[in-house]
Structures are given as structure tokens and as C-alpha cells.
Amino acid sequence: MTKRWLLVIAVLVVVALAGGAAWYAVRTGAGPLPDPEQCTATVDDYTVALSTEQAENASIIAAVAERRALPARAISIAIATAYQESKLVNLAGGDRDSLGLFQQRPSQGWGKSRQIMDPYFATNAFYDALVKVDGYREMPITEAAQEVQRSAFPDAYADHEQDGRTIASAMSGYSDAAFSCQTTTPDVVDQEIGADGLTGRAEKVRAEVTASFGDLPLGGFDPEGVSSGHMPGSAHYEGRAIDAFFRPTSEQNTRRGWVLAHFLVANAERLDIAHVIFDDRIWSAGSRSHEGWHDFDPPGLSADTSGETRQILEHRDHVHVDVF
């Protein structure tokens, strides 16, 4: 055998071993997180650290549950399951023909390979099976997960129960301002405003929100452009901002707003998001992202500001997002 062929074989062996090692590290918890950007969910002084990839996938699991009107318990079960199965990473391989976030197997009827590798499809498939489990809302998370997954290691899901509950509480909006990410600052480039009155980056955010949450009432942009109705210097005037409305202001609508707000922060790195504002709190990307959520100080607000105007200025009834 020639030296060239020996080199080729050696490279293939290294690649195979690296792939196997990566899968083992994810399944066992060994090894570093998939990327350096850091996100955290903190509830009752307990913090779970996630990579941006893990955060994006957790936000999808929560968004799908919100769109399906499923309880936070379903999110806890799904996240604990995905944590054990894939460390919340969309794996392209695994044990036998297992794939994706939940390590679902095409040979077991979970779907085609390309479908399972779509986190939205995989999450919906998991929930389709979960809602058929009688009494899953009252079951221990381990038992509910096992009813869906039929794992060879049924007790392993319990190892991620507290993490799952914490992430679920934040992502489902029951814990406000509980999820944050540290992000980089993307290049600011000149962008043309499209037919809908948004820049390309803002349009990408709008499409993502609609795909994930359905037909939320959106505003703050117009095909003819926006020239009034917002704070001085607002990104709305440049086609870089969108508002999602949760009216009237209520406990339930505030919770729903936090689902979207946390979703946007989880996906901020990928979507070039600069700011998210909701419920008198603001999160800023880039150099200030390490500060997490902090109080919003809207200009024009005074002690004499009326209740309805105050709610609008403090963003109590809508989530604002703008892009770089």
C-alpha cells in the first residue's frame, strides 16, 4: 500500500474518531460547550449555562409549545429529554440511526432523516407523542420522558430535571427577565429597505417570529416607511425595528411577551439583533450584553404621564426588537 493511501486512511480514521468522540462527549456531558458565546437561565438563584446553539434550540422547544398552547410542564419534559439525548445540540448522528435534538430514529417511525434534523419538526414530533401520554402533566419528568423515548437508560433524564425546569420557567415566560446571552457585535452595513418597509435583517427577524409563533400582531413598520409615532432616533424610522403586540396588558399576555422576548435574545447572535425591550426592561447586544436585562428608562416619561401612555412607553404591551 502506498504512503498516499496510508495517509488517506489515517485521515479518515481521525475524522471518524473525532465524530464518535463528539457524540460521546455530548451524550455523557464530557467536553466543552459547542461554542464560546454564553447564555444563562437563572430562576430562584439556580443558573444553567448554555451555548448559543443550545439556547436557540431551547427557545424553539418553548416556542413550539407556546404555539400549541402546551403547559410549561411539557417544556420541562422536552428540554430535560433533549438535554439527556443530545445536550440540546442538533446532532447529525448517534446510536444506530438516531438523529437530532431528541435522537429520534427514522427506522422507528419518527420521520425521515431530513425531517428529524429540523428542530421544529423534531420538537413537534416529540410533543405529538407526549400529549398522548395519559397524565403526563402530573408524572415525574423521568417517567414522562421515558414514556415517549423508551430509552435504555430511563433514569438518566432525572439528571437534567432541575436544569430542564429552570430553562423551561424562563423560556415559557413564567420567570421574567430570567434568560440572557452574551453576544458579539456584527458589522453594521448599509441595508436597503424592502417592499415591506424593513431592512433585510429586520425582515429576517419578522419571518423568524412568524414561523415560530404564528400570526402575532406585528407593527412599527410600513411599506411607505415610518416617520412618526416613536421615540426620537428610533430604529423604526430606519426600517430596523419591529413591535409585537400583547394587548390588553394582563398577567397572561405579559407571560406570552416574555416567551418572545427570551426567544429573541436566544437567537440574537444569529439574527443580528441589537436590542430587545419589554415590560420596562431592555437587553442590549454586543459590549453591553454581559449586563443582561436591566431597567428601561424611556425618554419622555414623567410623573404626569397617563396610564395608557406610560404602558406604551414602558413597552408593557409590546415587545420591541431592532437589528444592527
C-alpha atoms as a PDB file:
ATOM      1  CA  MET A   1       0.000   0.000   0.000  1.00  0.00           C
ATOM      2  CA  THR A   2       1.388   3.424  -0.934  1.00  0.00           C
ATOM      3  CA  LYS A   3       2.170   6.155   1.556  1.00  0.00           C
ATOM      4  CA  ARG A   4      -0.542   8.274  -0.044  1.00  0.00           C
ATOM      5  CA  TRP A   5      -3.224   5.678   0.658  1.00  0.00           C
ATOM      6  CA  LEU A   6      -1.927   5.197   4.192  1.00  0.00           C
ATOM      7  CA  LEU A   7      -2.289   8.933   4.737  1.00  0.00           C
ATOM      8  CA  VAL A   8      -5.855   8.922   3.373  1.00  0.00           C
ATOM      9  CA  ILE A   9      -6.833   6.042   5.649  1.00  0.00           C
ATOM     10  CA  ALA A  10      -5.253   7.755   8.641  1.00  0.00           C
ATOM     11  CA  VAL A  11      -7.198  10.941   7.982  1.00  0.00           C
ATOM     12  CA  LEU A  12     -10.471   9.008   7.652  1.00  0.00           C
ATOM     13  CA  VAL A  13      -9.815   7.212  10.938  1.00  0.00           C
ATOM     14  CA  VAL A  14      -9.121  10.500  12.719  1.00  0.00           C
ATOM     15  CA  VAL A  15     -12.325  12.037  11.338  1.00  0.00           C
ATOM     16  CA  ALA A  16     -14.371   9.015  12.383  1.00  0.00           C
ATOM     17  CA  LEU A  17     -12.867   9.006  15.858  1.00  0.00           C
ATOM     18  CA  ALA A  18     -13.459  12.747  16.209  1.00  0.00           C
ATOM     19  CA  GLY A  19     -17.099  12.343  15.229  1.00  0.00           C
ATOM     20  CA  GLY A  20     -17.556   9.482  17.658  1.00  0.00           C
ATOM     21  CA  ALA A  21     -15.809  11.411  20.401  1.00  0.00           C
ATOM     22  CA  ALA A  22     -18.028  14.428  19.807  1.00  0.00           C
ATOM     23  CA  TRP A  23     -21.169  12.278  20.051  1.00  0.00           C
ATOM     24  CA  TYR A  24     -19.826  10.603  23.222  1.00  0.00           C
ATOM     25  CA  ALA A  25     -18.971  13.967  24.770  1.00  0.00           C
ATOM     26  CA  VAL A  26     -22.466  15.275  24.131  1.00  0.00           C
ATOM     27  CA  ARG A  27     -24.211  12.175  25.433  1.00  0.00           C
ATOM     28  CA  THR A  28     -22.036  11.896  28.561  1.00  0.00           C
ATOM     29  CA  GLY A  29     -21.617  15.576  29.364  1.00  0.00           C
ATOM     30  CA  ALA A  30     -17.862  15.473  28.793  1.00  0.00           C
ATOM     31  CA  GLY A  31     -16.080  18.080  26.729  1.00  0.00           C
ATOM     32  CA  PRO A  32     -16.623  21.794  26.099  1.00  0.00           C
ATOM     33  CA  LEU A  33     -19.791  23.522  25.017  1.00  0.00           C
ATOM     34  CA  PRO A  34     -20.266  23.775  21.246  1.00  0.00           C
ATOM     35  CA  ASP A  35     -19.382  27.484  21.025  1.00  0.00           C
ATOM     36  CA  PRO A  36     -17.938  30.205  23.272  1.00  0.00           C
ATOM     37  CA  GLU A  37     -20.877  32.603  23.412  1.00  0.00           C
ATOM     38  CA  GLN A  38     -22.606  32.118  26.708  1.00  0.00           C
ATOM     39  CA  CYS A  39     -26.270  32.211  27.683  1.00  0.00           C
ATOM     40  CA  THR A  40     -27.781  31.700  31.102  1.00  0.00           C
ATOM     41  CA  ALA A  41     -31.176  30.930  32.571  1.00  0.00           C
ATOM     42  CA  THR A  42     -31.497  31.895  36.231  1.00  0.00           C
ATOM     43  CA  VAL A  43     -34.509  31.073  38.399  1.00  0.00           C
ATOM     44  CA  ASP A  44     -34.573  31.113  42.215  1.00  0.00           C
ATOM     45  CA  ASP A  45     -30.787  31.566  42.415  1.00  0.00           C
ATOM     46  CA  TYR A  46     -30.169  28.477  40.260  1.00  0.00           C
ATOM     47  CA  THR A  47     -28.347  29.125  36.983  1.00  0.00           C
ATOM     48  CA  VAL A  48     -27.999  26.950  33.899  1.00  0.00           C
ATOM     49  CA  ALA A  49     -25.331  27.899  31.360  1.00  0.00           C
ATOM     50  CA  LEU A  50     -25.959  27.239  27.675  1.00  0.00           C
ATOM     51  CA  SER A  51     -24.096  27.827  24.445  1.00  0.00           C
ATOM     52  CA  THR A  52     -25.872  29.914  21.825  1.00  0.00           C
ATOM     53  CA  GLU A  53     -26.678  26.751  19.862  1.00  0.00           C
ATOM     54  CA  GLN A  54     -28.214  25.148  22.923  1.00  0.00           C
ATOM     55  CA  ALA A  55     -30.103  28.366  23.690  1.00  0.00           C
ATOM     56  CA  GLU A  56     -31.510  28.584  20.167  1.00  0.00           C
ATOM     57  CA  ASN A  57     -32.752  25.001  20.363  1.00  0.00           C
ATOM     58  CA  ALA A  58     -34.256  25.520  23.821  1.00  0.00           C
ATOM     59  CA  SER A  59     -36.064  28.603  22.513  1.00  0.00           C
ATOM     60  CA  ILE A  60     -37.526  26.562  19.653  1.00  0.00           C
ATOM     61  CA  ILE A  61     -38.783  23.925  22.097  1.00  0.00           C
ATOM     62  CA  ALA A  62     -40.509  26.682  24.093  1.00  0.00           C
ATOM     63  CA  ALA A  63     -41.882  28.492  21.025  1.00  0.00           C
ATOM     64  CA  VAL A  64     -43.422  25.321  19.625  1.00  0.00           C
ATOM     65  CA  ALA A  65     -45.069  24.607  22.984  1.00  0.00           C
ATOM     66  CA  GLU A  66     -46.401  28.176  23.160  1.00  0.00           C
ATOM     67  CA  ARG A  67     -47.844  27.938  19.663  1.00  0.00           C
ATOM     68  CA  ARG A  68     -49.506  24.642  20.598  1.00  0.00           C
ATOM     69  CA  ALA A  69     -50.774  26.087  23.913  1.00  0.00           C
ATOM     70  CA  LEU A  70     -48.958  23.401  25.897  1.00  0.00           C
ATOM     71  CA  PRO A  71     -48.141  23.873  29.596  1.00  0.00           C
ATOM     72  CA  ALA A  72     -44.710  24.719  30.977  1.00  0.00           C
ATOM     73  CA  ARG A  73     -44.567  21.123  32.229  1.00  0.00           C
ATOM     74  CA  ALA A  74     -44.364  19.932  28.625  1.00  0.00           C
ATOM     75  CA  ILE A  75     -41.418  22.261  28.016  1.00  0.00           C
ATOM     76  CA  SER A  76     -39.641  20.959  31.139  1.00  0.00           C
ATOM     77  CA  ILE A  77     -40.072  17.375  29.953  1.00  0.00           C
ATOM     78  CA  ALA A  78     -38.943  18.188  26.410  1.00  0.00           C
ATOM     79  CA  ILE A  79     -35.876  20.156  27.485  1.00  0.00           C
ATOM     80  CA  ALA A  80     -34.807  17.558  30.063  1.00  0.00           C
ATOM     81  CA  THR A  81     -35.186  14.898  27.370  1.00  0.00           C
ATOM     82  CA  ALA A  82     -33.222  16.824  24.747  1.00  0.00           C
ATOM     83  CA  TYR A  83     -30.570  17.663  27.341  1.00  0.00           C
ATOM     84  CA  GLN A  84     -30.019  13.974  28.042  1.00  0.00           C
ATOM     85  CA  GLU A  85     -30.299  12.807  24.446  1.00  0.00           C
ATOM     86  CA  SER A  86     -28.206  15.456  22.671  1.00  0.00           C
ATOM     87  CA  LYS A  87     -27.165  18.137  25.163  1.00  0.00           C
ATOM     88  CA  LEU A  88     -29.601  20.359  23.219  1.00  0.00           C
ATOM     89  CA  VAL A  89     -27.414  20.093  20.115  1.00  0.00           C
ATOM     90  CA  ASN A  90     -28.893  19.104  16.756  1.00  0.00           C
ATOM     91  CA  LEU A  91     -26.740  16.003  16.247  1.00  0.00           C
ATOM     92  CA  ALA A  92     -26.331  14.573  12.757  1.00  0.00           C
ATOM     93  CA  GLY A  93     -25.675  11.107  14.193  1.00  0.00           C
ATOM     94  CA  GLY A  94     -25.863   8.986  17.301  1.00  0.00           C
ATOM     95  CA  ASP A  95     -26.651   5.480  18.475  1.00  0.00           C
ATOM     96  CA  ARG A  96     -27.646   3.413  15.425  1.00  0.00           C
ATOM     97  CA  ASP A  97     -29.776   5.718  13.238  1.00  0.00           C
ATOM     98  CA  SER A  98     -30.665   8.231  15.969  1.00  0.00           C
ATOM     99  CA  LEU A  99     -30.688  11.877  14.891  1.00  0.00           C
ATOM    100  CA  GLY A 100     -31.359  15.401  16.052  1.00  0.00           C
ATOM    101  CA  LEU A 101     -32.290  17.032  19.340  1.00  0.00           C
ATOM    102  CA  PHE A 102     -34.244  14.080  20.695  1.00  0.00           C
ATOM    103  CA  GLN A 103     -32.179  11.366  18.969  1.00  0.00           C
ATOM    104  CA  GLN A 104     -35.245  10.153  17.120  1.00  0.00           C
ATOM    105  CA  ARG A 105     -34.861   7.202  14.753  1.00  0.00           C
ATOM    106  CA  PRO A 106     -36.234   7.134  11.204  1.00  0.00           C
ATOM    107  CA  SER A 107     -36.449   3.352  11.462  1.00  0.00           C
ATOM    108  CA  GLN A 108     -38.828   3.731  14.418  1.00  0.00           C
ATOM    109  CA  GLY A 109     -41.277   5.951  12.576  1.00  0.00           C
ATOM    110  CA  TRP A 110     -40.200   9.363  13.849  1.00  0.00           C
ATOM    111  CA  GLY A 111     -39.863  10.754  10.325  1.00  0.00           C
ATOM    112  CA  LYS A 112     -37.363  10.965   7.515  1.00  0.00           C
ATOM    113  CA  SER A 113     -33.776  11.874   8.346  1.00  0.00           C
ATOM    114  CA  ARG A 114     -34.030  15.374   6.866  1.00  0.00           C
ATOM    115  CA  GLN A 115     -37.248  15.982   8.807  1.00  0.00           C
ATOM    116  CA  ILE A 116     -35.797  14.883  12.135  1.00  0.00           C
ATOM    117  CA  MET A 117     -32.829  17.202  11.583  1.00  0.00           C
ATOM    118  CA  ASP A 118     -35.272  20.133  11.513  1.00  0.00           C
ATOM    119  CA  PRO A 119     -35.611  21.189  15.196  1.00  0.00           C
ATOM    120  CA  TYR A 120     -39.180  22.401  14.621  1.00  0.00           C
ATOM    121  CA  PHE A 121     -40.254  19.067  13.131  1.00  0.00           C
ATOM    122  CA  ALA A 122     -38.426  17.074  15.806  1.00  0.00           C
ATOM    123  CA  THR A 123     -39.966  19.123  18.616  1.00  0.00           C
ATOM    124  CA  ASN A 124     -43.471  18.801  17.202  1.00  0.00           C
ATOM    125  CA  ALA A 125     -42.949  15.052  16.826  1.00  0.00           C
ATOM    126  CA  PHE A 126     -41.880  14.823  20.473  1.00  0.00           C
ATOM    127  CA  TYR A 127     -44.906  16.810  21.648  1.00  0.00           C
ATOM    128  CA  ASP A 128     -47.218  14.739  19.427  1.00  0.00           C
ATOM    129  CA  ALA A 129     -46.077  11.675  21.357  1.00  0.00           C
ATOM    130  CA  LEU A 130     -46.045  13.387  24.756  1.00  0.00           C
ATOM    131  CA  VAL A 131     -49.642  14.638  24.648  1.00  0.00           C
ATOM    132  CA  LYS A 132     -50.776  11.057  24.062  1.00  0.00           C
ATOM    133  CA  VAL A 133     -49.266  10.019  27.411  1.00  0.00           C
ATOM    134  CA  ASP A 134     -52.141   9.932  29.876  1.00  0.00           C
ATOM    135  CA  GLY A 135     -51.385  12.073  32.919  1.00  0.00           C
ATOM    136  CA  TYR A 136     -48.041  13.409  31.690  1.00  0.00           C
ATOM    137  CA  ARG A 137     -48.661  16.740  33.445  1.00  0.00           C
ATOM    138  CA  GLU A 138     -48.621  15.033  36.845  1.00  0.00           C
ATOM    139  CA  MET A 139     -45.917  12.445  36.104  1.00  0.00           C
ATOM    140  CA  PRO A 140     -42.328  12.790  37.271  1.00  0.00           C
ATOM    141  CA  ILE A 141     -40.313  14.178  34.373  1.00  0.00           C
ATOM    142  CA  THR A 142     -38.271  10.977  34.120  1.00  0.00           C
ATOM    143  CA  GLU A 143     -41.372   8.822  33.711  1.00  0.00           C
ATOM    144  CA  ALA A 144     -42.982  11.105  31.140  1.00  0.00           C
ATOM    145  CA  ALA A 145     -39.772  11.299  29.105  1.00  0.00           C
ATOM    146  CA  GLN A 146     -39.380   7.536  29.202  1.00  0.00           C
ATOM    147  CA  GLU A 147     -42.960   7.015  28.003  1.00  0.00           C
ATOM    148  CA  VAL A 148     -42.029   8.943  24.865  1.00  0.00           C
ATOM    149  CA  GLN A 149     -38.426   7.882  24.311  1.00  0.00           C
ATOM    150  CA  ARG A 150     -38.315   4.261  25.536  1.00  0.00           C
ATOM    151  CA  SER A 151     -34.672   4.763  26.458  1.00  0.00           C
ATOM    152  CA  ALA A 152     -32.308   2.032  27.587  1.00  0.00           C
ATOM    153  CA  PHE A 153     -31.317   4.412  30.407  1.00  0.00           C
ATOM    154  CA  PRO A 154     -34.655   5.671  31.763  1.00  0.00           C
ATOM    155  CA  ASP A 155     -33.267   7.124  34.998  1.00  0.00           C
ATOM    156  CA  ALA A 156     -30.821   9.391  33.155  1.00  0.00           C
ATOM    157  CA  TYR A 157     -33.491  12.012  32.441  1.00  0.00           C
ATOM    158  CA  ALA A 158     -33.658  12.812  36.159  1.00  0.00           C
ATOM    159  CA  ASP A 159     -30.080  14.125  35.985  1.00  0.00           C
ATOM    160  CA  HIS A 160     -31.348  17.076  33.956  1.00  0.00           C
ATOM    161  CA  GLU A 161     -34.651  17.716  35.715  1.00  0.00           C
ATOM    162  CA  GLN A 162     -33.606  20.854  37.597  1.00  0.00           C
ATOM    163  CA  ASP A 163     -31.872  22.265  34.519  1.00  0.00           C
ATOM    164  CA  GLY A 164     -34.955  21.490  32.454  1.00  0.00           C
ATOM    165  CA  ARG A 165     -37.270  23.177  34.947  1.00  0.00           C
ATOM    166  CA  THR A 166     -35.073  26.264  35.116  1.00  0.00           C
ATOM    167  CA  ILE A 167     -34.776  26.686  31.355  1.00  0.00           C
ATOM    168  CA  ALA A 168     -38.479  25.958  30.914  1.00  0.00           C
ATOM    169  CA  SER A 169     -39.508  28.509  33.548  1.00  0.00           C
ATOM    170  CA  ALA A 170     -37.505  31.201  31.756  1.00  0.00           C
ATOM    171  CA  MET A 171     -38.358  30.244  28.190  1.00  0.00           C
ATOM    172  CA  SER A 172     -42.074  29.809  28.934  1.00  0.00           C
ATOM    173  CA  GLY A 173     -42.240  33.323  30.385  1.00  0.00           C
ATOM    174  CA  TYR A 174     -43.119  32.322  33.935  1.00  0.00           C
ATOM    175  CA  SER A 175     -39.839  33.856  35.118  1.00  0.00           C
ATOM    176  CA  ASP A 176     -39.404  37.295  33.594  1.00  0.00           C
ATOM    177  CA  ALA A 177     -36.005  38.667  32.537  1.00  0.00           C
ATOM    178  CA  ALA A 178     -34.561  35.287  33.533  1.00  0.00           C
ATOM    179  CA  PHE A 179     -32.746  34.433  30.308  1.00  0.00           C
ATOM    180  CA  SER A 180     -29.832  36.335  28.793  1.00  0.00           C
ATOM    181  CA  CYS A 181     -26.946  35.857  26.369  1.00  0.00           C
ATOM    182  CA  GLN A 182     -23.572  37.455  25.815  1.00  0.00           C
ATOM    183  CA  THR A 183     -23.119  38.193  22.130  1.00  0.00           C
ATOM    184  CA  THR A 184     -20.699  39.792  19.736  1.00  0.00           C
ATOM    185  CA  THR A 185     -21.379  42.934  17.712  1.00  0.00           C
ATOM    186  CA  PRO A 186     -21.841  42.260  13.990  1.00  0.00           C
ATOM    187  CA  ASP A 187     -20.660  44.590  11.275  1.00  0.00           C
ATOM    188  CA  VAL A 188     -23.032  47.473  10.682  1.00  0.00           C
ATOM    189  CA  VAL A 189     -23.681  47.635   6.954  1.00  0.00           C
ATOM    190  CA  ASP A 190     -25.858  49.806   4.768  1.00  0.00           C
ATOM    191  CA  GLN A 191     -29.079  47.966   4.040  1.00  0.00           C
ATOM    192  CA  GLU A 192     -31.777  48.790   1.568  1.00  0.00           C
ATOM    193  CA  ILE A 193     -35.340  48.922   2.819  1.00  0.00           C
ATOM    194  CA  GLY A 194     -37.508  46.300   1.147  1.00  0.00           C
ATOM    195  CA  ALA A 195     -41.072  46.394  -0.091  1.00  0.00           C
ATOM    196  CA  ASP A 196     -42.474  45.810   3.398  1.00  0.00           C
ATOM    197  CA  GLY A 197     -40.568  48.754   4.866  1.00  0.00           C
ATOM    198  CA  LEU A 198     -37.923  46.670   6.641  1.00  0.00           C
ATOM    199  CA  THR A 199     -34.217  46.135   6.098  1.00  0.00           C
ATOM    200  CA  GLY A 200     -33.076  42.639   5.189  1.00  0.00           C
ATOM    201  CA  ARG A 201     -32.014  41.860   8.745  1.00  0.00           C
ATOM    202  CA  ALA A 202     -35.278  43.127  10.211  1.00  0.00           C
ATOM    203  CA  GLU A 203     -37.261  41.160   7.645  1.00  0.00           C
ATOM    204  CA  LYS A 204     -35.347  38.038   8.673  1.00  0.00           C
ATOM    205  CA  VAL A 205     -36.414  38.610  12.284  1.00  0.00           C
ATOM    206  CA  ARG A 206     -40.030  39.160  11.233  1.00  0.00           C
ATOM    207  CA  ALA A 207     -40.018  35.926   9.225  1.00  0.00           C
ATOM    208  CA  GLU A 208     -38.474  34.003  12.133  1.00  0.00           C
ATOM    209  CA  VAL A 209     -41.033  35.302  14.618  1.00  0.00           C
ATOM    210  CA  THR A 210     -43.932  34.455  12.313  1.00  0.00           C
ATOM    211  CA  ALA A 211     -42.573  30.977  11.551  1.00  0.00           C
ATOM    212  CA  SER A 212     -42.088  30.239  15.253  1.00  0.00           C
ATOM    213  CA  PHE A 213     -45.125  31.871  16.858  1.00  0.00           C
ATOM    214  CA  GLY A 214     -47.670  32.150  14.082  1.00  0.00           C
ATOM    215  CA  ASP A 215     -49.667  35.251  13.276  1.00  0.00           C
ATOM    216  CA  LEU A 216     -48.750  37.562  16.132  1.00  0.00           C
ATOM    217  CA  PRO A 217     -49.941  41.142  15.628  1.00  0.00           C
ATOM    218  CA  LEU A 218     -46.831  42.962  14.394  1.00  0.00           C
ATOM    219  CA  GLY A 219     -46.297  46.656  13.731  1.00  0.00           C
ATOM    220  CA  GLY A 220     -43.852  49.521  13.762  1.00  0.00           C
ATOM    221  CA  PHE A 221     -43.096  49.236  10.054  1.00  0.00           C
ATOM    222  CA  ASP A 222     -44.876  50.158   6.840  1.00  0.00           C
ATOM    223  CA  PRO A 223     -44.229  49.760   3.103  1.00  0.00           C
ATOM    224  CA  GLU A 224     -44.283  53.568   2.856  1.00  0.00           C
ATOM    225  CA  GLY A 225     -41.882  53.909   5.771  1.00  0.00           C
ATOM    226  CA  VAL A 226     -42.450  55.174   9.321  1.00  0.00           C
ATOM    227  CA  SER A 227     -41.866  58.829  10.169  1.00  0.00           C
ATOM    228  CA  SER A 228     -43.759  59.386  13.425  1.00  0.00           C
ATOM    229  CA  GLY A 229     -45.223  57.714  16.496  1.00  0.00           C
ATOM    230  CA  HIS A 230     -41.957  56.566  18.064  1.00  0.00           C
ATOM    231  CA  MET A 231     -39.190  57.977  20.222  1.00  0.00           C
ATOM    232  CA  PRO A 232     -36.658  60.362  18.653  1.00  0.00           C
ATOM    233  CA  GLY A 233     -33.923  58.421  16.859  1.00  0.00           C
ATOM    234  CA  SER A 234     -35.972  55.227  16.887  1.00  0.00           C
ATOM    235  CA  ALA A 235     -34.792  52.351  14.710  1.00  0.00           C
ATOM    236  CA  HIS A 236     -38.367  52.201  13.403  1.00  0.00           C
ATOM    237  CA  TYR A 237     -37.626  55.236  11.242  1.00  0.00           C
ATOM    238  CA  GLU A 238     -34.806  53.315   9.542  1.00  0.00           C
ATOM    239  CA  GLY A 239     -36.790  50.122   8.974  1.00  0.00           C
ATOM    240  CA  ARG A 240     -34.689  48.270  11.545  1.00  0.00           C
ATOM    241  CA  ALA A 241     -37.341  47.596  14.189  1.00  0.00           C
ATOM    242  CA  ILE A 242     -40.489  45.569  14.760  1.00  0.00           C
ATOM    243  CA  ASP A 243     -43.064  45.586  17.555  1.00  0.00           C
ATOM    244  CA  ALA A 244     -45.070  42.509  18.568  1.00  0.00           C
ATOM    245  CA  PHE A 245     -48.214  43.400  20.498  1.00  0.00           C
ATOM    246  CA  PHE A 246     -49.630  41.578  23.523  1.00  0.00           C
ATOM    247  CA  ARG A 247     -52.789  43.508  24.323  1.00  0.00           C
ATOM    248  CA  PRO A 248     -54.530  44.144  26.601  1.00  0.00           C
ATOM    249  CA  THR A 249     -51.901  44.188  29.323  1.00  0.00           C
ATOM    250  CA  SER A 250     -52.536  41.208  31.594  1.00  0.00           C
ATOM    251  CA  GLU A 251     -50.604  38.593  33.527  1.00  0.00           C
ATOM    252  CA  GLN A 252     -51.088  36.042  30.750  1.00  0.00           C
ATOM    253  CA  ASN A 253     -50.120  38.448  27.973  1.00  0.00           C
ATOM    254  CA  THR A 254     -47.056  39.556  29.916  1.00  0.00           C
ATOM    255  CA  ARG A 255     -46.004  35.920  30.217  1.00  0.00           C
ATOM    256  CA  ARG A 256     -46.523  35.450  26.469  1.00  0.00           C
ATOM    257  CA  GLY A 257     -44.470  38.543  25.787  1.00  0.00           C
ATOM    258  CA  TRP A 258     -41.574  37.158  27.799  1.00  0.00           C
ATOM    259  CA  VAL A 259     -41.658  33.950  25.751  1.00  0.00           C
ATOM    260  CA  LEU A 260     -40.981  36.029  22.645  1.00  0.00           C
ATOM    261  CA  ALA A 261     -38.503  38.357  24.370  1.00  0.00           C
ATOM    262  CA  HIS A 262     -36.395  35.441  25.602  1.00  0.00           C
ATOM    263  CA  PHE A 263     -36.685  33.755  22.193  1.00  0.00           C
ATOM    264  CA  LEU A 264     -35.267  36.872  20.532  1.00  0.00           C
ATOM    265  CA  VAL A 265     -32.350  37.055  22.967  1.00  0.00           C
ATOM    266  CA  ALA A 266     -31.582  33.362  22.449  1.00  0.00           C
ATOM    267  CA  ASN A 267     -31.407  33.949  18.691  1.00  0.00           C
ATOM    268  CA  ALA A 268     -29.824  37.408  18.811  1.00  0.00           C
ATOM    269  CA  GLU A 269     -26.383  36.314  17.624  1.00  0.00           C
ATOM    270  CA  ARG A 270     -27.736  34.587  14.522  1.00  0.00           C
ATOM    271  CA  LEU A 271     -30.315  37.273  13.704  1.00  0.00           C
ATOM    272  CA  ASP A 272     -28.053  40.318  14.275  1.00  0.00           C
ATOM    273  CA  ILE A 273     -30.401  41.664  16.947  1.00  0.00           C
ATOM    274  CA  ALA A 274     -29.261  44.846  18.711  1.00  0.00           C
ATOM    275  CA  HIS A 275     -31.941  45.444  21.378  1.00  0.00           C
ATOM    276  CA  VAL A 276     -34.980  43.747  22.860  1.00  0.00           C
ATOM    277  CA  ILE A 277     -37.313  45.824  25.053  1.00  0.00           C
ATOM    278  CA  PHE A 278     -40.298  44.555  27.031  1.00  0.00           C
ATOM    279  CA  ASP A 279     -42.092  45.142  30.313  1.00  0.00           C
ATOM    280  CA  ASP A 280     -39.868  48.124  31.242  1.00  0.00           C
ATOM    281  CA  ARG A 281     -36.703  46.042  30.727  1.00  0.00           C
ATOM    282  CA  ILE A 282     -34.085  46.199  27.998  1.00  0.00           C
ATOM    283  CA  TRP A 283     -31.447  43.771  26.744  1.00  0.00           C
ATOM    284  CA  SER A 284     -28.626  45.056  24.545  1.00  0.00           C
ATOM    285  CA  ALA A 285     -26.303  43.020  22.340  1.00  0.00           C
ATOM    286  CA  GLY A 286     -22.548  43.360  21.994  1.00  0.00           C
ATOM    287  CA  SER A 287     -20.460  45.121  24.624  1.00  0.00           C
ATOM    288  CA  ARG A 288     -23.418  45.577  26.978  1.00  0.00           C
ATOM    289  CA  SER A 289     -24.818  42.069  26.658  1.00  0.00           C
ATOM    290  CA  HIS A 290     -22.933  40.947  29.778  1.00  0.00           C
ATOM    291  CA  GLU A 291     -25.255  43.244  31.763  1.00  0.00           C
ATOM    292  CA  GLY A 292     -28.245  41.090  30.880  1.00  0.00           C
ATOM    293  CA  TRP A 293     -31.698  42.595  31.327  1.00  0.00           C
ATOM    294  CA  HIS A 294     -31.857  45.930  33.124  1.00  0.00           C
ATOM    295  CA  ASP A 295     -34.394  48.668  33.770  1.00  0.00           C
ATOM    296  CA  PHE A 296     -35.548  50.628  30.744  1.00  0.00           C
ATOM    297  CA  ASP A 297     -35.620  54.406  31.085  1.00  0.00           C
ATOM    298  CA  PRO A 298     -37.858  55.649  28.279  1.00  0.00           C
ATOM    299  CA  PRO A 299     -37.371  59.271  27.249  1.00  0.00           C
ATOM    300  CA  GLY A 300     -40.438  61.438  27.648  1.00  0.00           C
ATOM    301  CA  LEU A 301     -41.723  59.576  30.699  1.00  0.00           C
ATOM    302  CA  SER A 302     -42.645  61.705  33.716  1.00  0.00           C
ATOM    303  CA  ALA A 303     -44.738  61.511  36.842  1.00  0.00           C
ATOM    304  CA  ASP A 304     -47.572  63.133  34.908  1.00  0.00           C
ATOM    305  CA  THR A 305     -47.605  60.551  32.097  1.00  0.00           C
ATOM    306  CA  SER A 306     -51.022  58.895  31.846  1.00  0.00           C
ATOM    307  CA  GLY A 307     -51.511  55.191  32.477  1.00  0.00           C
ATOM    308  CA  GLU A 308     -52.076  54.154  28.861  1.00  0.00           C
ATOM    309  CA  THR A 309     -49.207  56.264  27.537  1.00  0.00           C
ATOM    310  CA  ARG A 310     -46.968  55.002  30.327  1.00  0.00           C
ATOM    311  CA  GLN A 311     -47.717  51.395  29.384  1.00  0.00           C
ATOM    312  CA  ILE A 312     -46.757  52.095  25.787  1.00  0.00           C
ATOM    313  CA  LEU A 313     -43.562  53.996  26.643  1.00  0.00           C
ATOM    314  CA  GLU A 314     -42.509  51.293  29.104  1.00  0.00           C
ATOM    315  CA  HIS A 315     -43.288  48.619  26.498  1.00  0.00           C
ATOM    316  CA  ARG A 316     -45.692  46.835  28.823  1.00  0.00           C
ATOM    317  CA  ASP A 317     -47.982  45.878  25.938  1.00  0.00           C
ATOM    318  CA  HIS A 318     -45.481  45.083  23.197  1.00  0.00           C
ATOM    319  CA  VAL A 319     -42.076  43.557  22.588  1.00  0.00           C
ATOM    320  CA  HIS A 320     -39.714  45.796  20.639  1.00  0.00           C
ATOM    321  CA  VAL A 321     -36.810  44.320  18.701  1.00  0.00           C
ATOM    322  CA  ASP A 322     -34.332  46.133  16.492  1.00  0.00           C
ATOM    323  CA  VAL A 323     -31.357  44.952  14.485  1.00  0.00           C
ATOM    324  CA  PHE A 324     -27.910  46.290  13.672  1.00  0.00           C
END
